[in-house]
Amino acid sequence: MIKEVRKGGIMRIESQKLIAMLLAQKLKDKIDKRRQQYAAGK
């Protein structure tokens, strides 16, 4: 029973890591686009 809980906790942490990575990638893309628009504006 304890093993199952630990397994579930690890899976939850992994999924949170994945979500964080996806959010970071989205943010990076947004910043890159804004930077390109800024460069094009000048």
PDB file of N, CA and C in Angstrom:
ATOM      1  N   MET A   1       0.839  -1.202   0.000  1.00  0.00           N
ATOM      2  CA  MET A   1       0.000   0.000   0.000  1.00  0.00           C
ATOM      3  C   MET A   1       0.877   1.256   0.000  1.00  0.00           C
ATOM      4  N   ILE A   2       1.918   1.248   0.818  1.00  0.00           N
ATOM      5  CA  ILE A   2       2.818   2.400   0.865  1.00  0.00           C
ATOM      6  C   ILE A   2       3.510   2.584  -0.494  1.00  0.00           C
ATOM      7  N   LYS A   3       3.877   1.474  -1.122  1.00  0.00           N
ATOM      8  CA  LYS A   3       4.522   1.548  -2.439  1.00  0.00           C
ATOM      9  C   LYS A   3       3.613   2.250  -3.447  1.00  0.00           C
ATOM     10  N   GLU A   4       2.335   1.888  -3.417  1.00  0.00           N
ATOM     11  CA  GLU A   4       1.388   2.497  -4.357  1.00  0.00           C
ATOM     12  C   GLU A   4       1.318   4.014  -4.160  1.00  0.00           C
ATOM     13  N   VAL A   5       1.275   4.431  -2.913  1.00  0.00           N
ATOM     14  CA  VAL A   5       1.205   5.872  -2.618  1.00  0.00           C
ATOM     15  C   VAL A   5       2.457   6.570  -3.141  1.00  0.00           C
ATOM     16  N   ARG A   6       3.606   5.944  -2.904  1.00  0.00           N
ATOM     17  CA  ARG A   6       4.861   6.542  -3.349  1.00  0.00           C
ATOM     18  C   ARG A   6       4.885   6.639  -4.872  1.00  0.00           C
ATOM     19  N   LYS A   7       4.427   5.564  -5.520  1.00  0.00           N
ATOM     20  CA  LYS A   7       4.367   5.536  -6.978  1.00  0.00           C
ATOM     21  C   LYS A   7       3.483   6.675  -7.485  1.00  0.00           C
ATOM     22  N   GLY A   8       2.308   6.815  -6.872  1.00  0.00           N
ATOM     23  CA  GLY A   8       1.388   7.872  -7.279  1.00  0.00           C
ATOM     24  C   GLY A   8       1.998   9.245  -7.075  1.00  0.00           C
ATOM     25  N   GLY A   9       2.718   9.423  -5.967  1.00  0.00           N
ATOM     26  CA  GLY A   9       3.366  10.705  -5.693  1.00  0.00           C
ATOM     27  C   GLY A   9       4.407  11.031  -6.739  1.00  0.00           C
ATOM     28  N   ILE A  10       5.184  10.018  -7.124  1.00  0.00           N
ATOM     29  CA  ILE A  10       6.219  10.230  -8.147  1.00  0.00           C
ATOM     30  C   ILE A  10       5.557  10.612  -9.465  1.00  0.00           C
ATOM     31  N   MET A  11       4.491   9.889  -9.828  1.00  0.00           N
ATOM     32  CA  MET A  11       3.797  10.193 -11.082  1.00  0.00           C
ATOM     33  C   MET A  11       3.250  11.610 -11.071  1.00  0.00           C
ATOM     34  N   ARG A  12       2.729  12.033  -9.924  1.00  0.00           N
ATOM     35  CA  ARG A  12       2.174  13.381  -9.817  1.00  0.00           C
ATOM     36  C   ARG A  12       3.284  14.408 -10.009  1.00  0.00           C
ATOM     37  N   ILE A  13       4.438  14.157  -9.379  1.00  0.00           N
ATOM     38  CA  ILE A  13       5.572  15.074  -9.507  1.00  0.00           C
ATOM     39  C   ILE A  13       6.037  15.133 -10.958  1.00  0.00           C
ATOM     40  N   GLU A  14       6.108  13.968 -11.614  1.00  0.00           N
ATOM     41  CA  GLU A  14       6.531  13.920 -13.019  1.00  0.00           C
ATOM     42  C   GLU A  14       5.580  14.732 -13.895  1.00  0.00           C
ATOM     43  N   SER A  15       4.270  14.578 -13.681  1.00  0.00           N
ATOM     44  CA  SER A  15       3.302  15.301 -14.506  1.00  0.00           C
ATOM     45  C   SER A  15       3.414  16.804 -14.243  1.00  0.00           C
ATOM     46  N   GLN A  16       3.683  17.190 -12.997  1.00  0.00           N
ATOM     47  CA  GLN A  16       3.847  18.617 -12.689  1.00  0.00           C
ATOM     48  C   GLN A  16       5.083  19.160 -13.391  1.00  0.00           C
ATOM     49  N   LYS A  17       6.153  18.346 -13.421  1.00  0.00           N
ATOM     50  CA  LYS A  17       7.377  18.753 -14.122  1.00  0.00           C
ATOM     51  C   LYS A  17       7.073  18.971 -15.593  1.00  0.00           C
ATOM     52  N   LEU A  18       6.308  18.034 -16.170  1.00  0.00           N
ATOM     53  CA  LEU A  18       5.966  18.103 -17.588  1.00  0.00           C
ATOM     54  C   LEU A  18       5.160  19.370 -17.871  1.00  0.00           C
ATOM     55  N   ILE A  19       4.174  19.642 -17.014  1.00  0.00           N
ATOM     56  CA  ILE A  19       3.339  20.842 -17.177  1.00  0.00           C
ATOM     57  C   ILE A  19       4.208  22.096 -17.082  1.00  0.00           C
ATOM     58  N   ALA A  20       5.121  22.110 -16.110  1.00  0.00           N
ATOM     59  CA  ALA A  20       6.005  23.267 -15.929  1.00  0.00           C
ATOM     60  C   ALA A  20       6.866  23.469 -17.171  1.00  0.00           C
ATOM     61  N   MET A  21       7.357  22.360 -17.741  1.00  0.00           N
ATOM     62  CA  MET A  21       8.180  22.450 -18.944  1.00  0.00           C
ATOM     63  C   MET A  21       7.376  23.023 -20.102  1.00  0.00           C
ATOM     64  N   LEU A  22       6.127  22.554 -20.250  1.00  0.00           N
ATOM     65  CA  LEU A  22       5.276  23.041 -21.333  1.00  0.00           C
ATOM     66  C   LEU A  22       4.986  24.531 -21.158  1.00  0.00           C
ATOM     67  N   LEU A  23       4.697  24.945 -19.925  1.00  0.00           N
ATOM     68  CA  LEU A  23       4.418  26.366 -19.668  1.00  0.00           C
ATOM     69  C   LEU A  23       5.652  27.211 -19.974  1.00  0.00           C
ATOM     70  N   ALA A  24       6.819  26.722 -19.571  1.00  0.00           N
ATOM     71  CA  ALA A  24       8.065  27.451 -19.818  1.00  0.00           C
ATOM     72  C   ALA A  24       8.288  27.594 -21.319  1.00  0.00           C
ATOM     73  N   GLN A  25       7.997  26.533 -22.074  1.00  0.00           N
ATOM     74  CA  GLN A  25       8.172  26.564 -23.532  1.00  0.00           C
ATOM     75  C   GLN A  25       7.225  27.581 -24.155  1.00  0.00           C
ATOM     76  N   LYS A  26       5.975  27.596 -23.705  1.00  0.00           N
ATOM     77  CA  LYS A  26       4.985  28.553 -24.223  1.00  0.00           C
ATOM     78  C   LYS A  26       5.455  29.979 -23.948  1.00  0.00           C
ATOM     79  N   LEU A  27       5.921  30.195 -22.714  1.00  0.00           N
ATOM     80  CA  LEU A  27       6.374  31.526 -22.318  1.00  0.00           C
ATOM     81  C   LEU A  27       7.555  31.960 -23.189  1.00  0.00           C
ATOM     82  N   LYS A  28       8.474  31.029 -23.414  1.00  0.00           N
ATOM     83  CA  LYS A  28       9.660  31.300 -24.233  1.00  0.00           C
ATOM     84  C   LYS A  28       9.240  31.665 -25.652  1.00  0.00           C
ATOM     85  N   ASP A  29       8.280  30.908 -26.206  1.00  0.00           N
ATOM     86  CA  ASP A  29       7.795  31.192 -27.560  1.00  0.00           C
ATOM     87  C   ASP A  29       7.177  32.591 -27.612  1.00  0.00           C
ATOM     88  N   LYS A  30       6.393  32.931 -26.592  1.00  0.00           N
ATOM     89  CA  LYS A  30       5.733  34.229 -26.539  1.00  0.00           C
ATOM     90  C   LYS A  30       6.772  35.345 -26.520  1.00  0.00           C
ATOM     91  N   ILE A  31       7.809  35.163 -25.694  1.00  0.00           N
ATOM     92  CA  ILE A  31       8.873  36.167 -25.581  1.00  0.00           C
ATOM     93  C   ILE A  31       9.621  36.288 -26.901  1.00  0.00           C
ATOM     94  N   ASP A  32       9.910  35.150 -27.528  1.00  0.00           N
ATOM     95  CA  ASP A  32      10.617  35.170 -28.815  1.00  0.00           C
ATOM     96  C   ASP A  32       9.810  35.929 -29.861  1.00  0.00           C
ATOM     97  N   LYS A  33       8.498  35.656 -29.915  1.00  0.00           N
ATOM     98  CA  LYS A  33       7.643  36.337 -30.888  1.00  0.00           C
ATOM     99  C   LYS A  33       7.650  37.837 -30.642  1.00  0.00           C
ATOM    100  N   ARG A  34       7.528  38.221 -29.375  1.00  0.00           N
ATOM    101  CA  ARG A  34       7.497  39.641 -29.033  1.00  0.00           C
ATOM    102  C   ARG A  34       8.821  40.298 -29.417  1.00  0.00           C
ATOM    103  N   ARG A  35       9.909  39.569 -29.183  1.00  0.00           N
ATOM    104  CA  ARG A  35      11.232  40.089 -29.503  1.00  0.00           C
ATOM    105  C   ARG A  35      11.362  40.286 -31.016  1.00  0.00           C
ATOM    106  N   GLN A  36      10.817  39.341 -31.791  1.00  0.00           N
ATOM    107  CA  GLN A  36      10.868  39.446 -33.250  1.00  0.00           C
ATOM    108  C   GLN A  36      10.048  40.640 -33.721  1.00  0.00           C
ATOM    109  N   GLN A  37       8.868  40.825 -33.137  1.00  0.00           N
ATOM    110  CA  GLN A  37       8.005  41.948 -33.513  1.00  0.00           C
ATOM    111  C   GLN A  37       8.712  43.271 -33.183  1.00  0.00           C
ATOM    112  N   TYR A  38       9.362  43.292 -32.017  1.00  0.00           N
ATOM    113  CA  TYR A  38      10.077  44.499 -31.586  1.00  0.00           C
ATOM    114  C   TYR A  38      11.210  44.815 -32.554  1.00  0.00           C
ATOM    115  N   ALA A  39      11.950  43.758 -32.953  1.00  0.00           N
ATOM    116  CA  ALA A  39      13.069  43.924 -33.892  1.00  0.00           C
ATOM    117  C   ALA A  39      12.536  44.388 -35.251  1.00  0.00           C
ATOM    118  N   ALA A  40      11.403  43.835 -35.669  1.00  0.00           N
ATOM    119  CA  ALA A  40      10.810  44.207 -36.961  1.00  0.00           C
ATOM    120  C   ALA A  40      10.303  45.647 -36.904  1.00  0.00           C
ATOM    121  N   GLY A  41       9.783  46.056 -35.754  1.00  0.00           N
ATOM    122  CA  GLY A  41       9.273  47.416 -35.583  1.00  0.00           C
ATOM    123  C   GLY A  41      10.372  48.452 -35.735  1.00  0.00           C
ATOM    124  N   LYS A  42      11.581  48.106 -35.330  1.00  0.00           N
ATOM    125  CA  LYS A  42      12.723  49.025 -35.458  1.00  0.00           C
ATOM    126  C   LYS A  42      13.322  48.879 -36.815  1.00  0.00           C
TER     127      LYS A  42
END
